[in-house]
């Protein structure tokens, strides 16, 4: 199965769309579960708490345990190797990071 939602808002930017998606999930939780606090697959979820907003490089750096940037291709390749992530020779830094 695959479900996708594509939405746009006039004069809205990606921050506007982040707010929209967050509110959409809150409304869905209320409609389906009747609460913003519920258990799902053994985990307690709190949809009332604002979502963390981070850039991809921040999240990958956190997971890798060191700062990784697009300007440090050697560092990206080394981190990928340390974490056993297959990286092909011609990949650009953005593809390695993603």
C-alpha atoms as a PDB file:
ATOM      1  CA  UNK A   1       0.000   0.000   0.000  1.00  0.00           C
ATOM      2  CA  UNK A   2       1.058   3.556  -0.663  1.00  0.00           C
ATOM      3  CA  UNK A   3      -0.737   6.706   0.410  1.00  0.00           C
ATOM      4  CA  UNK A   4       0.423  10.213  -0.358  1.00  0.00           C
ATOM      5  CA  UNK A   5      -0.909  13.679   0.306  1.00  0.00           C
ATOM      6  CA  UNK A   6       0.222  16.636  -1.743  1.00  0.00           C
ATOM      7  CA  UNK A   7      -0.913  20.081  -0.649  1.00  0.00           C
ATOM      8  CA  UNK A   8      -0.083  23.702  -1.357  1.00  0.00           C
ATOM      9  CA  UNK A   9      -1.022  26.990   0.248  1.00  0.00           C
ATOM     10  CA  UNK A  10      -0.871  30.317  -1.528  1.00  0.00           C
ATOM     11  CA  UNK A  11       1.946  32.475  -0.169  1.00  0.00           C
ATOM     12  CA  UNK A  12       2.924  29.719   2.255  1.00  0.00           C
ATOM     13  CA  UNK A  13       6.489  28.531   2.677  1.00  0.00           C
ATOM     14  CA  UNK A  14       7.853  25.277   4.037  1.00  0.00           C
ATOM     15  CA  UNK A  15       7.307  26.491   7.602  1.00  0.00           C
ATOM     16  CA  UNK A  16       3.627  27.021   6.769  1.00  0.00           C
ATOM     17  CA  UNK A  17       3.454  23.497   5.370  1.00  0.00           C
ATOM     18  CA  UNK A  18       5.156  22.041   8.462  1.00  0.00           C
ATOM     19  CA  UNK A  19       2.500  23.718  10.614  1.00  0.00           C
ATOM     20  CA  UNK A  20      -0.238  22.378   8.331  1.00  0.00           C
ATOM     21  CA  UNK A  21       1.031  18.778   8.466  1.00  0.00           C
ATOM     22  CA  UNK A  22       1.477  18.897  12.231  1.00  0.00           C
ATOM     23  CA  UNK A  23      -2.083  20.165  12.670  1.00  0.00           C
ATOM     24  CA  UNK A  24      -3.376  17.535  10.224  1.00  0.00           C
ATOM     25  CA  UNK A  25      -1.848  14.770  12.352  1.00  0.00           C
ATOM     26  CA  UNK A  26      -3.338  16.270  15.513  1.00  0.00           C
ATOM     27  CA  UNK A  27      -6.802  16.412  13.968  1.00  0.00           C
ATOM     28  CA  UNK A  28      -6.446  12.831  12.689  1.00  0.00           C
ATOM     29  CA  UNK A  29      -5.402  11.611  16.150  1.00  0.00           C
ATOM     30  CA  UNK A  30      -8.408  13.307  17.722  1.00  0.00           C
ATOM     31  CA  UNK A  31     -10.767  11.887  15.094  1.00  0.00           C
ATOM     32  CA  UNK A  32      -9.415   8.332  15.288  1.00  0.00           C
ATOM     33  CA  UNK A  33      -8.237   8.007  18.900  1.00  0.00           C
ATOM     34  CA  UNK A  34     -10.267  10.725  20.605  1.00  0.00           C
ATOM     35  CA  UNK A  35      -7.128  12.043  22.289  1.00  0.00           C
ATOM     36  CA  UNK A  36      -3.759  13.583  21.518  1.00  0.00           C
ATOM     37  CA  UNK A  37      -2.124  11.154  23.967  1.00  0.00           C
ATOM     38  CA  UNK A  38      -2.283   7.452  23.083  1.00  0.00           C
ATOM     39  CA  UNK A  39      -0.264   4.267  22.785  1.00  0.00           C
ATOM     40  CA  UNK A  40       0.853   2.961  19.391  1.00  0.00           C
ATOM     41  CA  UNK A  41       2.927  -0.194  18.908  1.00  0.00           C
ATOM     42  CA  UNK A  42       3.892  -0.167  22.573  1.00  0.00           C
ATOM     43  CA  UNK A  43       4.988   3.482  22.610  1.00  0.00           C
ATOM     44  CA  UNK A  44       3.238   6.402  24.238  1.00  0.00           C
ATOM     45  CA  UNK A  45       2.674   9.181  21.685  1.00  0.00           C
ATOM     46  CA  UNK A  46       1.854  12.768  22.621  1.00  0.00           C
ATOM     47  CA  UNK A  47       0.571  14.657  19.600  1.00  0.00           C
ATOM     48  CA  UNK A  48      -0.001  17.789  21.699  1.00  0.00           C
ATOM     49  CA  UNK A  49       3.742  18.384  22.003  1.00  0.00           C
ATOM     50  CA  UNK A  50       5.132  20.527  19.160  1.00  0.00           C
ATOM     51  CA  UNK A  51       7.213  18.457  16.762  1.00  0.00           C
ATOM     52  CA  UNK A  52      10.960  18.806  16.673  1.00  0.00           C
ATOM     53  CA  UNK A  53      12.090  20.630  13.537  1.00  0.00           C
ATOM     54  CA  UNK A  54      15.579  19.822  12.355  1.00  0.00           C
ATOM     55  CA  UNK A  55      17.614  19.827   9.177  1.00  0.00           C
ATOM     56  CA  UNK A  56      18.686  16.505   7.706  1.00  0.00           C
ATOM     57  CA  UNK A  57      22.374  17.202   8.351  1.00  0.00           C
ATOM     58  CA  UNK A  58      21.602  17.826  12.049  1.00  0.00           C
ATOM     59  CA  UNK A  59      19.742  14.523  12.376  1.00  0.00           C
ATOM     60  CA  UNK A  60      22.384  12.502  10.542  1.00  0.00           C
ATOM     61  CA  UNK A  61      25.129  14.153  12.615  1.00  0.00           C
ATOM     62  CA  UNK A  62      23.272  13.263  15.806  1.00  0.00           C
ATOM     63  CA  UNK A  63      22.871   9.634  14.712  1.00  0.00           C
ATOM     64  CA  UNK A  64      26.514   9.402  13.604  1.00  0.00           C
ATOM     65  CA  UNK A  65      27.826  10.970  16.800  1.00  0.00           C
ATOM     66  CA  UNK A  66      29.773  13.685  15.011  1.00  0.00           C
ATOM     67  CA  UNK A  67      29.173  16.800  12.933  1.00  0.00           C
ATOM     68  CA  UNK A  68      28.652  16.059   9.250  1.00  0.00           C
ATOM     69  CA  UNK A  69      28.285  18.749   6.609  1.00  0.00           C
ATOM     70  CA  UNK A  70      27.878  18.870   2.846  1.00  0.00           C
ATOM     71  CA  UNK A  71      31.206  20.684   2.614  1.00  0.00           C
ATOM     72  CA  UNK A  72      33.070  17.724   4.148  1.00  0.00           C
ATOM     73  CA  UNK A  73      32.741  14.951   1.577  1.00  0.00           C
ATOM     74  CA  UNK A  74      35.624  12.973   3.084  1.00  0.00           C
ATOM     75  CA  UNK A  75      33.956  13.096   6.499  1.00  0.00           C
ATOM     76  CA  UNK A  76      30.647  11.959   5.010  1.00  0.00           C
ATOM     77  CA  UNK A  77      32.316   9.040   3.247  1.00  0.00           C
ATOM     78  CA  UNK A  78      34.211   8.072   6.417  1.00  0.00           C
ATOM     79  CA  UNK A  79      31.040   8.174   8.535  1.00  0.00           C
ATOM     80  CA  UNK A  80      29.167   6.097   5.957  1.00  0.00           C
ATOM     81  CA  UNK A  81      31.975   3.549   5.986  1.00  0.00           C
ATOM     82  CA  UNK A  82      32.012   3.427   9.809  1.00  0.00           C
ATOM     83  CA  UNK A  83      28.267   2.749   9.825  1.00  0.00           C
ATOM     84  CA  UNK A  84      28.482   0.181   7.007  1.00  0.00           C
ATOM     85  CA  UNK A  85      26.489   2.314   4.565  1.00  0.00           C
ATOM     86  CA  UNK A  86      27.254   1.513   0.937  1.00  0.00           C
ATOM     87  CA  UNK A  87      28.326   4.667  -0.932  1.00  0.00           C
ATOM     88  CA  UNK A  88      29.179   4.567  -4.605  1.00  0.00           C
ATOM     89  CA  UNK A  89      32.226   6.391  -5.932  1.00  0.00           C
ATOM     90  CA  UNK A  90      30.428   9.079  -7.967  1.00  0.00           C
ATOM     91  CA  UNK A  91      27.895  10.087  -5.338  1.00  0.00           C
ATOM     92  CA  UNK A  92      27.712  13.777  -4.457  1.00  0.00           C
ATOM     93  CA  UNK A  93      27.797  14.844  -0.775  1.00  0.00           C
ATOM     94  CA  UNK A  94      24.030  15.435  -0.706  1.00  0.00           C
ATOM     95  CA  UNK A  95      23.302  11.897  -1.809  1.00  0.00           C
ATOM     96  CA  UNK A  96      25.765  10.488   0.724  1.00  0.00           C
ATOM     97  CA  UNK A  97      24.128  12.500   3.510  1.00  0.00           C
ATOM     98  CA  UNK A  98      20.620  11.403   2.513  1.00  0.00           C
END
